[in-house]
Amino acid sequence: MLFKNRKDAGVKLAKALEKYKDENVIVLALPRGGVVLGAEIAHQLAAPLDILLTKKIGHPMNSEYAICAITEDGDPICNSAEVKKLDPDWLPKEIKKVRSEIKRRREMFLGGKALYPVEGKTVIIADDGIATGLTMMAAIEEIKKRNPQKLVIAIPVTPYGTAQIIESMVDELVSLDIDPNYRGAVGAYYEDFRQVEDSEVISILKSFKSK
């Protein structure tokens, strides 16, 4: 499946999620790209939109190779085989540094406003793509401890193996293409996958705040 852009993917996902329209829903998007899709879903479901900040932790020898992912408050989700090979003093320091960056981003995007209460609600977590799933797994664990009534993950395309893991963790995975032959990069499923700027995220969030 090939999407025109994130907005197109969001519109298609929103249609697949219409059964949740009459539930007590909140949409949580993973910035930056996921916010574009999350906005389309929240609009279609007449639901509030918030962001769930996550960040990958790259290997000390290759920052592009993610070995862990963390959220604002949750425990890190890690590739245990890789972590065992590291200096035990390195990871705690890196986690502290990354948490500081996450807090800075929440201040930038929402003026430091805390995450919308999700207890007893149907929570839909949206992102523009997924590969290893570490970031989404960290997001899932963060929300689970906040006691939602139902937890749904919405992603346009998911590698088959990752989908199996995600499905075992949540009430439902809504994905338009669960691909056993994953193309190796999220951008391969979009005609236009240009970077979403911080200013666009802020603008989208402000538009929902004003409603």
Protein backbone atom coordinates (compact mmCIF):
# COMPACT_ATOMS: atom_id res chain seq x y z
CA MET A 1 0.00 0.00 0.00
CA LEU A 2 1.24 3.49 -0.85
CA PHE A 3 -0.10 6.65 0.80
CA LYS A 4 0.05 10.11 -0.75
CA ASN A 5 1.17 11.68 2.52
CA ARG A 6 0.50 11.51 6.26
CA LYS A 7 -2.84 13.31 5.90
CA ASP A 8 -4.01 10.69 3.39
CA ALA A 9 -2.91 7.90 5.76
CA GLY A 10 -4.72 9.61 8.63
CA VAL A 11 -7.96 9.92 6.69
CA LYS A 12 -7.86 6.24 5.76
CA LEU A 13 -7.07 5.20 9.32
CA ALA A 14 -9.88 7.39 10.64
CA LYS A 15 -12.37 5.51 8.45
CA ALA A 16 -11.10 2.21 9.82
CA LEU A 17 -11.64 3.51 13.37
CA GLU A 18 -15.20 4.81 12.92
CA LYS A 19 -16.64 2.09 15.16
CA TYR A 20 -15.13 3.94 18.12
CA LYS A 21 -16.93 7.20 17.37
CA ASP A 22 -19.58 6.76 20.07
CA GLU A 23 -17.11 5.72 22.76
CA ASN A 24 -15.34 7.96 25.27
CA VAL A 25 -12.24 8.34 23.09
CA ILE A 26 -9.01 10.25 23.34
CA VAL A 27 -6.41 10.21 20.57
CA LEU A 28 -2.75 10.30 21.58
CA ALA A 29 -0.29 10.98 18.77
CA LEU A 30 3.45 10.36 18.76
CA PRO A 31 5.23 13.52 17.56
CA ARG A 32 6.13 14.63 15.15
CA GLY A 33 4.75 12.65 12.22
CA GLY A 34 2.03 10.91 14.18
CA VAL A 35 0.38 14.22 15.04
CA VAL A 36 -0.72 14.76 11.42
CA LEU A 37 -2.48 11.37 11.39
CA GLY A 38 -3.77 11.80 14.93
CA ALA A 39 -5.44 15.07 13.99
CA GLU A 40 -7.39 13.39 11.18
CA ILE A 41 -8.48 10.57 13.49
CA ALA A 42 -9.47 12.91 16.32
CA HIS A 43 -11.43 15.11 13.90
CA GLN A 44 -13.33 12.15 12.45
CA LEU A 45 -14.15 10.71 15.89
CA ALA A 46 -14.92 14.13 17.44
CA ALA A 47 -12.32 13.31 20.09
CA PRO A 48 -9.69 15.34 21.93
CA LEU A 49 -6.11 15.15 20.69
CA ASP A 50 -3.01 15.04 22.88
CA ILE A 51 0.57 13.95 22.36
CA LEU A 52 2.50 11.13 23.98
CA LEU A 53 6.18 11.94 23.92
CA THR A 54 8.60 9.11 23.34
CA LYS A 55 12.23 9.02 22.37
CA LYS A 56 14.60 6.35 21.18
CA ILE A 57 17.99 5.79 22.79
CA GLY A 58 20.64 5.05 20.22
CA HIS A 59 23.60 2.74 20.67
CA PRO A 60 26.68 4.66 21.93
CA MET A 61 28.63 3.54 18.85
CA ASN A 62 25.78 4.21 16.39
CA SER A 63 23.12 6.69 17.44
CA GLU A 64 20.85 5.63 14.55
CA TYR A 65 20.59 2.10 15.94
CA ALA A 66 17.91 2.19 18.64
CA ILE A 67 18.48 -0.07 21.63
CA CYS A 68 15.86 1.43 23.96
CA ALA A 69 12.87 3.74 23.94
CA ILE A 70 11.34 5.72 26.80
CA THR A 71 8.34 7.92 27.47
CA GLU A 72 7.93 10.82 29.88
CA ASP A 73 7.41 8.68 32.97
CA GLY A 74 7.54 5.01 32.00
CA ASP A 75 10.33 2.49 32.32
CA PRO A 76 12.58 2.10 29.28
CA ILE A 77 11.80 -0.67 26.80
CA CYS A 78 15.10 -2.12 25.63
CA ASN A 79 16.76 -4.66 23.41
CA SER A 80 18.14 -6.68 26.33
CA ALA A 81 20.74 -8.49 24.22
CA GLU A 82 22.30 -5.16 23.19
CA VAL A 83 22.07 -3.58 26.64
CA LYS A 84 23.97 -6.47 28.22
CA LYS A 85 26.99 -5.60 26.08
CA LEU A 86 27.15 -1.97 27.27
CA ASP A 87 28.97 -0.27 30.11
CA PRO A 88 26.36 -0.50 32.94
CA ASP A 89 27.01 3.14 33.88
CA TRP A 90 26.20 4.47 30.39
CA LEU A 91 22.49 3.70 30.06
CA PRO A 92 21.22 5.37 33.29
CA LYS A 93 23.02 8.58 32.32
CA GLU A 94 21.61 8.44 28.81
CA ILE A 95 18.08 7.85 30.12
CA LYS A 96 18.37 10.90 32.36
CA LYS A 97 19.55 13.02 29.43
CA VAL A 98 16.77 11.80 27.14
CA ARG A 99 14.06 12.38 29.78
CA SER A 100 15.26 15.96 30.07
CA GLU A 101 14.85 16.37 26.29
CA ILE A 102 11.34 14.89 26.47
CA LYS A 103 10.35 17.41 29.13
CA ARG A 104 11.77 20.21 26.99
CA ARG A 105 9.63 19.07 24.06
CA ARG A 106 6.43 18.96 26.14
CA GLU A 107 7.15 22.50 27.25
CA MET A 108 7.69 23.54 23.64
CA PHE A 109 4.61 21.80 22.25
CA LEU A 110 2.14 22.33 25.09
CA GLY A 111 3.65 24.76 27.55
CA GLY A 112 4.39 21.90 29.94
CA LYS A 113 0.73 20.86 30.21
CA ALA A 114 0.41 17.33 31.61
CA LEU A 115 -0.93 14.41 29.59
CA TYR A 116 -4.71 14.37 29.22
CA PRO A 117 -6.33 11.98 31.77
CA VAL A 118 -7.00 8.62 30.12
CA GLU A 119 -8.41 6.50 32.95
CA GLY A 120 -11.60 4.73 31.89
CA LYS A 121 -11.36 6.00 28.30
CA THR A 122 -10.80 4.33 24.95
CA VAL A 123 -7.28 5.45 24.06
CA ILE A 124 -6.11 5.41 20.44
CA ILE A 125 -2.36 5.82 20.03
CA ALA A 126 -1.45 6.93 16.50
CA ASP A 127 1.85 7.10 14.65
CA ASP A 128 2.86 7.41 11.00
CA GLY A 129 4.82 4.18 10.93
CA ILE A 130 6.64 1.53 12.90
CA ALA A 131 9.63 -0.75 12.44
CA THR A 132 11.16 -2.45 15.49
CA GLY A 133 8.26 -1.26 17.64
CA LEU A 134 10.37 -0.19 20.63
CA THR A 135 8.90 3.32 20.68
CA MET A 136 5.33 2.08 20.43
CA MET A 137 5.91 -0.57 23.07
CA ALA A 138 7.18 2.11 25.45
CA ALA A 139 4.09 4.20 24.68
CA ILE A 140 1.80 1.22 25.31
CA GLU A 141 3.35 0.46 28.69
CA GLU A 142 3.12 4.13 29.69
CA ILE A 143 -0.62 4.27 28.95
CA LYS A 144 -1.45 0.86 30.42
CA LYS A 145 -0.41 2.01 33.88
CA ARG A 146 -2.87 4.90 33.57
CA ASN A 147 -5.81 2.44 33.42
CA PRO A 148 -7.58 3.10 30.12
CA GLN A 149 -10.76 1.12 29.51
CA LYS A 150 -9.51 0.10 26.07
CA LEU A 151 -6.20 0.58 24.26
CA VAL A 152 -6.10 0.71 20.46
CA ILE A 153 -3.03 1.26 18.27
CA ALA A 154 -3.49 2.94 14.87
CA ILE A 155 -0.63 2.70 12.35
CA PRO A 156 -0.86 2.79 8.54
CA VAL A 157 1.71 0.04 7.90
CA THR A 158 3.22 -2.50 10.29
CA PRO A 159 5.81 -5.22 9.71
CA TYR A 160 4.21 -8.63 10.27
CA GLY A 161 6.47 -9.65 13.16
CA THR A 162 6.06 -6.34 14.96
CA ALA A 163 2.29 -6.52 14.48
CA GLN A 164 2.22 -9.89 16.27
CA ILE A 165 3.96 -8.35 19.28
CA ILE A 166 1.80 -5.20 19.37
CA GLU A 167 -1.42 -7.21 19.06
CA SER A 168 -0.46 -9.24 22.12
CA MET A 169 -0.08 -6.06 24.19
CA VAL A 170 -3.30 -4.15 23.39
CA ASP A 171 -7.01 -4.57 22.76
CA GLU A 172 -6.70 -3.91 19.04
CA LEU A 173 -4.15 -3.01 16.40
CA VAL A 174 -5.73 -1.14 13.49
CA SER A 175 -3.26 -1.22 10.62
CA LEU A 176 -4.13 -0.85 6.95
CA ASP A 177 -1.20 -2.96 5.76
CA ILE A 178 0.45 -5.64 7.89
CA ASP A 179 3.36 -6.43 5.61
CA PRO A 180 5.26 -9.75 5.82
CA ASN A 181 7.76 -8.27 3.34
CA TYR A 182 8.42 -4.96 5.07
CA ARG A 183 10.31 -2.53 2.84
CA GLY A 184 12.75 -1.53 5.56
CA ALA A 185 11.70 2.09 6.02
CA VAL A 186 8.46 3.87 6.86
CA GLY A 187 9.03 6.42 4.09
CA ALA A 188 8.87 3.63 1.47
CA TYR A 189 5.09 3.55 2.00
CA TYR A 190 4.54 7.26 1.30
CA GLU A 191 4.82 9.33 -1.88
CA ASP A 192 5.52 12.37 0.29
CA PHE A 193 7.26 11.73 3.62
CA ARG A 194 8.83 15.09 4.23
CA GLN A 195 9.77 15.91 7.81
CA VAL A 196 7.04 17.41 10.00
CA GLU A 197 8.33 20.58 11.67
CA ASP A 198 7.81 21.49 15.31
CA SER A 199 5.82 24.54 14.22
CA GLU A 200 3.30 22.32 12.41
CA VAL A 201 2.82 20.17 15.52
CA ILE A 202 2.25 23.27 17.64
CA SER A 203 -0.24 24.66 15.12
CA ILE A 204 -2.23 21.40 15.01
CA LEU A 205 -2.37 21.16 18.79
CA LYS A 206 -3.47 24.77 19.12
CA SER A 207 -6.29 24.20 16.63
CA PHE A 208 -7.70 21.42 18.82
CA LYS A 209 -7.22 23.42 21.99
CA SER A 210 -9.37 26.19 20.56
CA LYS A 211 -12.31 23.86 19.86
